[in-house]
Amino acid sequence: MAQFLHNEGIFVSAVNPKLIKDYGDNTLRKVKTDAADSRKIARYGLDNWAELRQHTPMDTIRYQLKTLNRQQGLYSRTKTMMKNNLIALLDQTYPGVNALFDSPVREDGTQKWVDFAASFWHVDCVRDMSLAAFTERYRKWCKRHGYNFSAAKAAEIHAGAQDQIAMLPKDAMTKLLVRQAVDAFNAVSASLERLKAEMLKLASQLPEFPVVMAMRGVGESLGPHLMAEIGDVTRFAHRGSTTFAGVDPGANQSGSHEAKSVHTSKSGSPELRKALFLVMDCLLKTMPQDDPVYQFMDKKRSKGKPYLVYMPAGANKFLRIYYGRVKEYLTLLETSD
């Protein structure tokens, strides 16, 4: 609708719904009707007309990216559910098969341990064969699926299968259950990888893409996620406006009382906070000594600050740096044009 009205030459502005919800509640009565909501929106528009930002076609790309990101989150949760279901089922037919390989997910969504479980769905599929027979079958299986073959790995799998205890019998019903769980997991995983590829392709059309992707802790997965949830930073007047993410420290002070530990506001998008925490986790694992955000978190951690203190603090600092770098880059682009 916003794009249609913009194309028709009508002024359109998209506003955070929480700003309107909290606006003008100068009454003790709680009224929630279409008429009351319309009057509140109208009053907000009239009182803040000078500060309203016009919708642009670039916002359509950001909206599409955010929609893709929300779909990716849904599919990620579904994939986790399918994975847990598959592992729980395999624990009754081939315990520990999911830990045999640590190969990453392919571009088509397949994983080595899942493909292996589809072919060797019961522990008896391995231990009923001799080592030589299993090694040859494993070699052919690796060639057929495009995986690297190792005779030592085949011997390790065969030896480990000898001590496993299966709860379900090796019959057609058990095979059907495992194969269906594998097919469902692979379908969701393939859809998720396609969504990630589309998000990266769409995010590359945004002007801030090279700046965001160059930041430490941000990769091809988290970069589009951040750009989708943060949106256009030019709509913020200053870097302190990044409190919309909900990772800013709260305040609880009155008179001589001042709380030493206050929860973050959590007033913004939980998807954005999740992405920020993943970025902070990546920084803590890679430990880039020249990164200011990591230095900031490491300093707080060395002082004995708890996890739920230095992680939100690092996320807040990261957002301020993100705002500064992206805003500077976009300003340079406008100046050069």
Foldseek 3Di string as FASTA:
>chain_A
DLVVCVVVVHFDFDDDVVVLVPPDPPDPDDDDDPVVSVVSVVVVCVVCVVLTDGDDPVVVLLQVLLVLLVVLVVLVVVLVVLVVVLQVLLLQFPHPLVVLDDDDADLQLDDDSLLVCLVCVGLCSQQVDDLVVQLVVVVVSCVVVVHDHDSVSSVVSNVVSVPRDHNDDPDDVSSVVNNVSSVVSSVSSSVSSVSLVVLLVSLVPDQCQVVQCPDQLDHSRLSSLQCSFVPDLVSDPALVVVCQCQLDFDWDDDDPDTDPHGHTRNNHDPSNVVSLLSSVVRCVVVVDVPHPLSVQLVVCVVVVDDPNVSSSVSSSVVSSVVSVRSVVSVVVVVVVD
